[in-house]
Amino acid sequence: MVRSSQTGFPTLGILGGGQLGKMMAAAATQLSVDVRLLSPKAAGPMQPFAGAQTGDWTDPDVLRSFADGCDVITVESEWAPAAEAAAVAPEDTAIWPSPDTLALIKDKGVQKQHLAEAGIPVPDFQRCASLDAALDAADAVGYPVVLKQYRGAYDGYGNATAQGPDDVRAAWPELAADDGLMVERFMNFKRELAVRVARRPGGNHVVSPVAYTEQDGHICHAVVVPAEMNPAQADTARQVAKDAVDAVDGVGLTAVELFEMPDGRILVNELAPRPHNTGHYSIEGAHTSQFENHVRAVLDWPLGTPDLVAPFAVMVNILGTREGSPPRTAGLDTALSVSGAHVHIYGKPDVRPGRKMGHVTVVGDDRATVRQRAEEAADAIRL
């Protein structure tokens, strides 16, 4: 268990300064944990925190200075330089999730291969180093297929659906890296689900309720918790998620995106080794938020229950509607007048259509009413 010998409270370093880093830092400061954030460029969300720093995080000297005095370092994104920080950090500074875990997850092909070899149910896929291999794989898997970029993809970017060989050829130059791309069976799933697992270094863990995630244009629009499903199926989804996180030795909060198939099977789509958009509802909707449990887990502190504080919680994302800087906000007063609406605006310095700029959460006793109020408040805001 991490505890500073000087102040009685540890110092947590966060590599990243976006909305996830901001909400991690807020959860940490609530527990009187000292926080440092490092971002390679000025990031609006992190600016309220005195420990926010901007610097070239590919520079070992910058990372060494940042890491000095941190008891634990964590990441806002799997793309943060955890391995580079580990190379220069003091010997007694822990880094969670570990660089080994991040290496397994941040490459979609490596991640999917590792999960499959661990016996985790995943869609049929092949890792393809050449266009010819991708064409052969698509024939073997059966069209339509999804072509997935190995690294850097998010919110639908970096993926393409191929209905035939011409689509594979057209997408290859844009998506393929030097080591190719992944070809995956197109899954006609019933719906997308998500489960978050908070796990301490020794394996002690808690598992969240199953969330239903509603997508619009490959971007998460709404998250409804709990997902409407029978208890046995929900237990299966939570067990699959827990097994997947164990397979990569995840520490901290790991989000597991799932496909629920029409025949009832639960398949893992992908993992995110950090707090996740599908868990933002937990700030007001759970006894312990995903951000607090992430902080507790990486500090190896006792975990809190992720159970809901009310029968239902709904989160709706607030997306940008124009291109520009700085964002101009309209309708905030209207949103705040909606009964039970908890509004979060992230403070990003630039806005563009479809960019996640904030979210609204409503909790309550009636699923339809909670959903209606969350939609009403989110729809009122224009950024």
Protein backbone atom coordinates (compact mmCIF):
# COMPACT_ATOMS: atom_id res chain seq x y z
CA MET A 1 0.00 0.00 0.00
CA VAL A 2 1.47 3.35 -1.08
CA ARG A 3 1.87 6.08 1.53
CA SER A 4 4.32 8.97 1.56
CA SER A 5 6.65 9.00 4.56
CA GLN A 6 6.86 12.82 4.56
CA THR A 7 3.25 14.03 4.41
CA GLY A 8 1.23 10.90 5.10
CA PHE A 9 -0.22 11.13 1.57
CA PRO A 10 1.34 9.98 -1.71
CA THR A 11 2.05 11.92 -4.87
CA LEU A 12 0.36 10.62 -8.01
CA GLY A 13 1.76 11.48 -11.42
CA ILE A 14 -0.63 11.42 -14.37
CA LEU A 15 0.72 11.25 -17.90
CA GLY A 16 -1.95 13.17 -19.79
CA GLY A 17 -3.93 16.36 -19.34
CA GLY A 18 -7.29 15.81 -21.05
CA GLN A 19 -10.67 15.18 -19.47
CA LEU A 20 -9.69 11.77 -18.12
CA GLY A 21 -6.61 13.19 -16.44
CA LYS A 22 -8.71 16.04 -15.05
CA MET A 23 -11.27 13.69 -13.53
CA MET A 24 -8.56 11.35 -12.17
CA ALA A 25 -6.89 14.36 -10.54
CA ALA A 26 -10.18 15.57 -9.05
CA ALA A 27 -10.76 12.13 -7.49
CA ALA A 28 -7.19 12.07 -6.15
CA THR A 29 -7.34 15.52 -4.58
CA GLN A 30 -10.58 14.57 -2.84
CA LEU A 31 -8.43 12.03 -0.95
CA SER A 32 -5.69 14.64 -0.33
CA VAL A 33 -3.38 12.90 -2.77
CA ASP A 34 -0.88 15.30 -4.33
CA VAL A 35 -1.20 15.32 -8.12
CA ARG A 36 1.13 16.11 -10.99
CA LEU A 37 -0.02 16.07 -14.61
CA LEU A 38 2.26 16.10 -17.64
CA SER A 39 0.99 16.81 -21.16
CA PRO A 40 3.03 17.31 -24.34
CA LYS A 41 0.94 20.36 -25.18
CA ALA A 42 -1.25 22.80 -23.32
CA ALA A 43 -4.47 20.97 -22.47
CA GLY A 44 -7.41 22.97 -21.21
CA PRO A 45 -8.91 20.32 -18.90
CA MET A 46 -5.80 20.03 -16.71
CA GLN A 47 -5.27 23.77 -16.22
CA PRO A 48 -7.14 24.11 -12.89
CA PHE A 49 -4.56 21.92 -11.15
CA ALA A 50 -1.45 23.51 -9.68
CA GLY A 51 0.59 20.43 -10.53
CA ALA A 52 -0.10 20.68 -14.27
CA GLN A 53 3.01 20.75 -16.47
CA THR A 54 3.57 20.99 -20.22
CA GLY A 55 6.70 19.56 -21.80
CA ASP A 56 8.17 17.20 -24.36
CA TRP A 57 7.37 13.87 -22.79
CA THR A 58 9.64 12.11 -25.28
CA ASP A 59 12.56 13.89 -23.58
CA PRO A 60 14.10 11.71 -20.80
CA ASP A 61 15.05 14.81 -18.80
CA VAL A 62 11.46 16.06 -18.83
CA LEU A 63 10.18 12.65 -17.72
CA ARG A 64 12.89 12.33 -15.08
CA SER A 65 11.98 15.69 -13.56
CA PHE A 66 8.29 14.82 -13.64
CA ALA A 67 8.78 11.37 -12.08
CA ASP A 68 11.08 12.55 -9.31
CA GLY A 69 9.00 12.64 -6.14
CA CYS A 70 6.05 10.66 -7.58
CA ASP A 71 5.12 7.59 -5.56
CA VAL A 72 3.01 6.22 -8.42
CA ILE A 73 2.64 7.20 -12.07
CA THR A 74 -0.45 6.36 -14.09
CA VAL A 75 -1.66 7.16 -17.60
CA GLU A 76 -4.64 8.91 -19.13
CA SER A 77 -4.17 6.97 -22.36
CA GLU A 78 -2.47 3.79 -23.49
CA TRP A 79 -0.38 6.01 -25.80
CA ALA A 80 1.29 7.87 -22.94
CA PRO A 81 5.05 7.13 -22.56
CA ALA A 82 4.84 4.77 -19.59
CA ALA A 83 7.83 2.66 -20.64
CA GLU A 84 9.94 5.76 -21.19
CA ALA A 85 8.91 7.08 -17.76
CA ALA A 86 9.78 3.73 -16.16
CA ALA A 87 13.26 3.92 -17.64
CA VAL A 88 14.08 7.19 -15.82
CA ALA A 89 11.82 7.13 -12.76
CA PRO A 90 13.20 6.45 -9.26
CA GLU A 91 13.45 2.74 -8.51
CA ASP A 92 10.70 2.88 -5.89
CA THR A 93 8.20 4.68 -8.15
CA ALA A 94 5.47 2.32 -9.32
CA ILE A 95 3.93 2.66 -12.79
CA TRP A 96 0.39 1.33 -13.23
CA PRO A 97 -0.86 0.01 -15.55
CA SER A 98 2.55 -1.49 -16.16
CA PRO A 99 4.36 -0.87 -19.45
CA ASP A 100 3.97 -4.59 -20.17
CA THR A 101 0.19 -4.36 -19.83
CA LEU A 102 0.06 -1.25 -22.00
CA ALA A 103 2.19 -2.96 -24.66
CA LEU A 104 -0.33 -5.81 -24.81
CA ILE A 105 -3.31 -3.46 -25.14
CA LYS A 106 -2.27 -0.52 -27.29
CA ASP A 107 -1.70 -2.66 -30.40
CA LYS A 108 -5.11 -4.04 -31.36
CA GLY A 109 -3.60 -7.04 -33.11
CA VAL A 110 -1.37 -7.97 -30.17
CA GLN A 111 -4.27 -7.40 -27.78
CA LYS A 112 -6.68 -9.60 -29.70
CA GLN A 113 -4.08 -12.36 -30.16
CA HIS A 114 -3.23 -12.35 -26.46
CA LEU A 115 -6.88 -12.49 -25.41
CA ALA A 116 -7.62 -15.33 -27.82
CA GLU A 117 -4.64 -17.33 -26.58
CA ALA A 118 -5.86 -16.80 -23.00
CA GLY A 119 -9.22 -18.35 -23.92
CA ILE A 120 -11.20 -15.08 -23.87
CA PRO A 121 -14.10 -15.14 -26.37
CA VAL A 122 -13.35 -12.73 -29.23
CA PRO A 123 -14.55 -12.33 -32.84
CA ASP A 124 -12.73 -14.28 -35.55
CA PHE A 125 -9.72 -12.28 -36.74
CA GLN A 126 -6.38 -12.52 -38.51
CA ARG A 127 -3.30 -10.32 -38.29
CA CYS A 128 -2.16 -9.55 -41.82
CA ALA A 129 1.28 -8.26 -42.79
CA SER A 130 0.49 -7.70 -46.47
CA LEU A 131 -2.40 -6.78 -48.74
CA ASP A 132 -2.42 -10.30 -50.21
CA ALA A 133 -2.63 -11.75 -46.70
CA ALA A 134 -5.52 -9.40 -45.89
CA LEU A 135 -7.40 -10.45 -49.02
CA ASP A 136 -6.86 -14.13 -48.16
CA ALA A 137 -7.97 -13.50 -44.57
CA ALA A 138 -11.12 -11.71 -45.68
CA ASP A 139 -12.00 -14.65 -47.93
CA ALA A 140 -11.38 -17.05 -45.04
CA VAL A 141 -13.33 -15.04 -42.46
CA GLY A 142 -16.09 -14.18 -44.90
CA TYR A 143 -17.31 -10.79 -46.10
CA PRO A 144 -18.20 -8.31 -44.78
CA VAL A 145 -15.11 -7.79 -42.65
CA VAL A 146 -13.78 -4.95 -40.53
CA LEU A 147 -10.26 -3.73 -41.20
CA LYS A 148 -8.63 -2.35 -38.07
CA GLN A 149 -5.56 -0.18 -37.76
CA TYR A 150 -3.27 -1.62 -35.11
CA ARG A 151 -2.38 1.58 -33.28
CA GLY A 152 -4.00 4.95 -32.68
CA ALA A 153 -7.61 4.19 -33.64
CA TYR A 154 -10.51 5.58 -31.59
CA ASP A 155 -14.20 6.54 -31.95
CA GLY A 156 -14.48 4.79 -35.32
CA TYR A 157 -11.31 6.36 -36.73
CA GLY A 158 -8.82 3.82 -38.00
CA ASN A 159 -11.43 1.23 -39.00
CA ALA A 160 -13.17 0.41 -42.26
CA THR A 161 -15.86 -2.07 -43.24
CA ALA A 162 -15.09 -4.01 -46.42
CA GLN A 163 -17.90 -5.60 -48.42
CA GLY A 164 -15.53 -7.13 -50.95
CA PRO A 165 -11.92 -7.27 -52.20
CA ASP A 166 -12.06 -3.82 -53.79
CA ASP A 167 -12.87 -2.28 -50.40
CA VAL A 168 -9.89 -4.04 -48.83
CA ARG A 169 -7.59 -2.72 -51.54
CA ALA A 170 -8.98 0.81 -51.17
CA ALA A 171 -8.59 0.87 -47.37
CA TRP A 172 -5.17 -0.76 -47.17
CA PRO A 173 -3.02 2.34 -47.95
CA GLU A 174 -4.77 4.42 -45.28
CA LEU A 175 -4.99 1.86 -42.46
CA ALA A 176 -2.02 -0.46 -42.85
CA ALA A 177 1.22 0.19 -40.98
CA ASP A 178 4.55 -1.38 -41.85
CA ASP A 179 3.37 -4.53 -40.06
CA GLY A 180 -0.05 -4.48 -41.75
CA LEU A 181 -3.48 -4.44 -40.11
CA MET A 182 -6.10 -6.73 -38.58
CA VAL A 183 -8.97 -8.33 -40.46
CA GLU A 184 -11.93 -9.18 -38.22
CA ARG A 185 -15.28 -10.76 -38.90
CA PHE A 186 -18.09 -8.18 -39.07
CA MET A 187 -20.23 -8.98 -36.06
CA ASN A 188 -23.99 -8.58 -36.40
CA PHE A 189 -24.24 -8.06 -32.67
CA LYS A 190 -27.45 -7.44 -30.77
CA ARG A 191 -25.92 -4.50 -28.89
CA GLU A 192 -22.70 -3.15 -27.42
CA LEU A 193 -22.04 -3.42 -23.71
CA ALA A 194 -19.29 -2.30 -21.39
CA VAL A 195 -17.96 -3.42 -18.02
CA ARG A 196 -15.22 -1.75 -15.99
CA VAL A 197 -12.89 -3.65 -13.70
CA ALA A 198 -10.84 -1.92 -11.00
CA ARG A 199 -7.91 -4.13 -9.98
CA ARG A 200 -5.12 -3.70 -7.45
CA PRO A 201 -1.55 -4.95 -8.07
CA GLY A 202 -2.19 -8.14 -6.10
CA GLY A 203 -5.32 -8.98 -8.11
CA ASN A 204 -7.99 -7.78 -5.67
CA HIS A 205 -10.76 -6.31 -7.80
CA VAL A 206 -14.29 -4.97 -8.12
CA VAL A 207 -16.47 -5.25 -11.22
CA SER A 208 -19.03 -2.66 -12.30
CA PRO A 209 -22.61 -3.27 -13.38
CA VAL A 210 -23.05 -3.96 -17.10
CA ALA A 211 -23.69 -0.83 -19.14
CA TYR A 212 -25.49 -0.60 -22.48
CA THR A 213 -23.64 1.76 -24.82
CA GLU A 214 -25.50 3.42 -27.65
CA GLN A 215 -23.38 4.54 -30.60
CA ASP A 216 -24.13 7.23 -33.18
CA GLY A 217 -21.72 7.54 -36.09
CA HIS A 218 -19.15 5.35 -34.28
CA ILE A 219 -19.16 7.76 -31.31
CA CYS A 220 -20.72 6.87 -27.97
CA HIS A 221 -23.94 8.85 -27.63
CA ALA A 222 -25.46 7.46 -24.44
CA VAL A 223 -24.69 4.96 -21.70
CA VAL A 224 -27.55 3.30 -19.81
CA VAL A 225 -26.92 1.41 -16.58
CA PRO A 226 -27.81 -1.28 -15.84
CA ALA A 227 -28.24 -2.86 -19.25
CA GLU A 228 -31.56 -4.65 -19.63
CA MET A 229 -30.59 -8.33 -19.45
CA ASN A 230 -31.26 -11.35 -17.26
CA PRO A 231 -29.05 -11.75 -14.20
CA ALA A 232 -27.29 -14.86 -15.50
CA GLN A 233 -26.26 -13.14 -18.71
CA ALA A 234 -25.10 -10.07 -16.77
CA ASP A 235 -22.98 -12.35 -14.57
CA THR A 236 -21.47 -13.88 -17.70
CA ALA A 237 -20.59 -10.46 -19.12
CA ARG A 238 -18.97 -9.41 -15.84
CA GLN A 239 -17.01 -12.67 -15.61
CA VAL A 240 -15.75 -12.36 -19.20
CA ALA A 241 -14.63 -8.80 -18.46
CA LYS A 242 -12.86 -9.85 -15.25
CA ASP A 243 -11.10 -12.72 -17.04
CA ALA A 244 -9.95 -10.39 -19.83
CA VAL A 245 -8.44 -7.93 -17.35
CA ASP A 246 -6.75 -10.76 -15.48
CA ALA A 247 -5.31 -11.98 -18.78
CA VAL A 248 -3.45 -8.71 -19.33
CA ASP A 249 -2.64 -8.24 -15.61
CA GLY A 250 -4.44 -4.91 -15.62
CA VAL A 251 -3.93 -2.60 -12.65
CA GLY A 252 -6.10 0.45 -12.16
CA LEU A 253 -9.39 0.83 -14.00
CA THR A 254 -9.74 -1.19 -17.21
CA ALA A 255 -12.78 -0.80 -19.44
CA VAL A 256 -13.91 -3.86 -21.38
CA GLU A 257 -16.03 -3.23 -24.48
CA LEU A 258 -18.27 -6.20 -25.27
CA PHE A 259 -20.53 -7.47 -28.03
CA GLU A 260 -23.76 -9.20 -27.02
CA MET A 261 -24.61 -11.57 -29.86
CA PRO A 262 -28.16 -12.57 -30.87
CA ASP A 263 -27.51 -16.11 -29.61
CA GLY A 264 -26.55 -14.79 -26.17
CA ARG A 265 -22.78 -15.11 -26.50
CA ILE A 266 -20.62 -12.36 -24.99
CA LEU A 267 -17.48 -11.44 -26.96
CA VAL A 268 -14.73 -8.99 -26.07
CA ASN A 269 -14.36 -6.21 -28.62
CA GLU A 270 -11.43 -4.40 -27.01
CA LEU A 271 -9.87 -3.18 -23.77
CA ALA A 272 -9.00 0.32 -22.61
CA PRO A 273 -6.48 0.38 -19.72
CA ARG A 274 -7.87 3.51 -18.04
CA PRO A 275 -11.13 5.18 -17.03
CA HIS A 276 -13.49 5.25 -19.96
CA ASN A 277 -16.34 7.26 -21.44
CA THR A 278 -18.73 4.40 -20.65
CA GLY A 279 -18.02 4.88 -16.94
CA HIS A 280 -18.49 8.64 -16.59
CA TYR A 281 -21.97 8.07 -15.16
CA SER A 282 -20.28 6.67 -12.05
CA ILE A 283 -19.24 10.11 -10.74
CA GLU A 284 -22.81 10.74 -9.55
CA GLY A 285 -24.33 7.35 -10.29
CA ALA A 286 -22.15 4.94 -8.30
CA HIS A 287 -21.06 4.70 -4.70
CA THR A 288 -17.45 4.89 -5.91
CA SER A 289 -16.66 6.47 -9.27
CA GLN A 290 -14.42 4.83 -11.83
CA PHE A 291 -11.92 7.66 -11.29
CA GLU A 292 -11.72 7.19 -7.54
CA ASN A 293 -11.38 3.44 -7.93
CA HIS A 294 -8.63 3.95 -10.49
CA VAL A 295 -6.74 6.15 -8.02
CA ARG A 296 -7.33 3.67 -5.19
CA ALA A 297 -6.21 0.73 -7.34
CA VAL A 298 -2.94 2.23 -8.60
CA LEU A 299 -2.12 3.34 -5.04
CA ASP A 300 -2.96 -0.20 -3.86
CA TRP A 301 -5.66 1.12 -1.53
CA PRO A 302 -8.92 -0.69 -0.69
CA LEU A 303 -11.43 -0.45 -3.51
CA GLY A 304 -14.94 0.98 -3.21
CA THR A 305 -18.14 -0.59 -4.44
CA PRO A 306 -19.07 0.42 -8.01
CA ASP A 307 -22.75 -0.36 -7.40
CA LEU A 308 -25.36 2.23 -8.40
CA VAL A 309 -26.77 4.68 -5.86
CA ALA A 310 -30.18 4.52 -7.58
CA PRO A 311 -31.91 1.94 -9.77
CA PHE A 312 -30.86 3.67 -13.03
CA ALA A 313 -28.21 6.01 -14.38
CA VAL A 314 -27.93 7.49 -17.87
CA MET A 315 -25.06 9.50 -19.31
CA VAL A 316 -25.31 11.41 -22.60
CA ASN A 317 -22.25 12.90 -24.28
CA ILE A 318 -22.08 16.58 -25.26
CA LEU A 319 -20.40 16.82 -28.65
CA GLY A 320 -18.96 19.78 -30.48
CA THR A 321 -21.15 21.29 -33.19
CA ARG A 322 -18.71 23.62 -34.96
CA GLU A 323 -15.02 24.13 -35.70
CA GLY A 324 -13.19 26.79 -33.74
CA SER A 325 -11.36 28.11 -30.73
CA PRO A 326 -12.22 28.95 -28.05
CA PRO A 327 -15.51 27.10 -27.59
CA ARG A 328 -18.61 29.25 -27.21
CA THR A 329 -21.21 27.75 -24.89
CA ALA A 330 -24.93 28.24 -25.36
CA GLY A 331 -27.75 26.65 -23.44
CA LEU A 332 -25.88 25.85 -20.24
CA ASP A 333 -28.51 27.64 -18.14
CA THR A 334 -31.24 25.58 -19.79
CA ALA A 335 -29.38 22.34 -19.15
CA LEU A 336 -28.82 23.21 -15.52
CA SER A 337 -32.53 23.79 -15.04
CA VAL A 338 -33.34 20.16 -15.93
CA SER A 339 -34.22 18.32 -12.74
CA GLY A 340 -31.45 15.98 -11.61
CA ALA A 341 -29.05 16.83 -14.44
CA HIS A 342 -25.34 16.78 -13.55
CA VAL A 343 -23.47 18.71 -16.24
CA HIS A 344 -19.74 18.30 -16.89
CA ILE A 345 -17.94 20.58 -19.36
CA TYR A 346 -14.35 19.44 -19.88
CA GLY A 347 -12.69 22.76 -20.68
CA LYS A 348 -11.07 21.75 -23.96
CA PRO A 349 -9.56 24.77 -25.74
CA ASP A 350 -10.71 23.75 -29.23
CA VAL A 351 -14.00 22.47 -30.52
CA ARG A 352 -14.85 20.49 -33.63
CA PRO A 353 -17.96 18.61 -34.78
CA GLY A 354 -18.26 15.28 -33.01
CA ARG A 355 -15.55 15.97 -30.42
CA LYS A 356 -16.47 14.97 -26.86
CA MET A 357 -16.70 18.28 -24.99
CA GLY A 358 -18.65 17.18 -21.91
CA HIS A 359 -21.40 14.94 -20.64
CA VAL A 360 -24.62 14.93 -18.64
CA THR A 361 -25.61 12.30 -16.08
CA VAL A 362 -29.02 11.76 -14.49
CA VAL A 363 -29.83 9.10 -11.90
CA GLY A 364 -33.23 8.03 -10.64
CA ASP A 365 -35.92 5.40 -10.16
CA ASP A 366 -37.46 5.27 -13.64
CA ARG A 367 -35.35 4.34 -16.67
CA ALA A 368 -37.41 6.28 -19.24
CA THR A 369 -37.58 9.46 -17.14
CA VAL A 370 -33.87 9.38 -16.39
CA ARG A 371 -33.06 8.92 -20.08
CA GLN A 372 -35.40 11.73 -21.14
CA ARG A 373 -33.90 14.21 -18.70
CA ALA A 374 -30.32 13.36 -19.66
CA GLU A 375 -31.13 13.79 -23.36
CA GLU A 376 -32.96 17.06 -22.69
CA ALA A 377 -30.05 18.58 -20.77
CA ALA A 378 -27.38 17.42 -23.21
CA ASP A 379 -29.37 18.58 -26.23
CA ALA A 380 -29.75 22.07 -24.74
CA ILE A 381 -25.98 22.71 -24.78
CA ARG A 382 -24.29 23.95 -27.94
CA LEU A 383 -20.51 24.20 -28.11
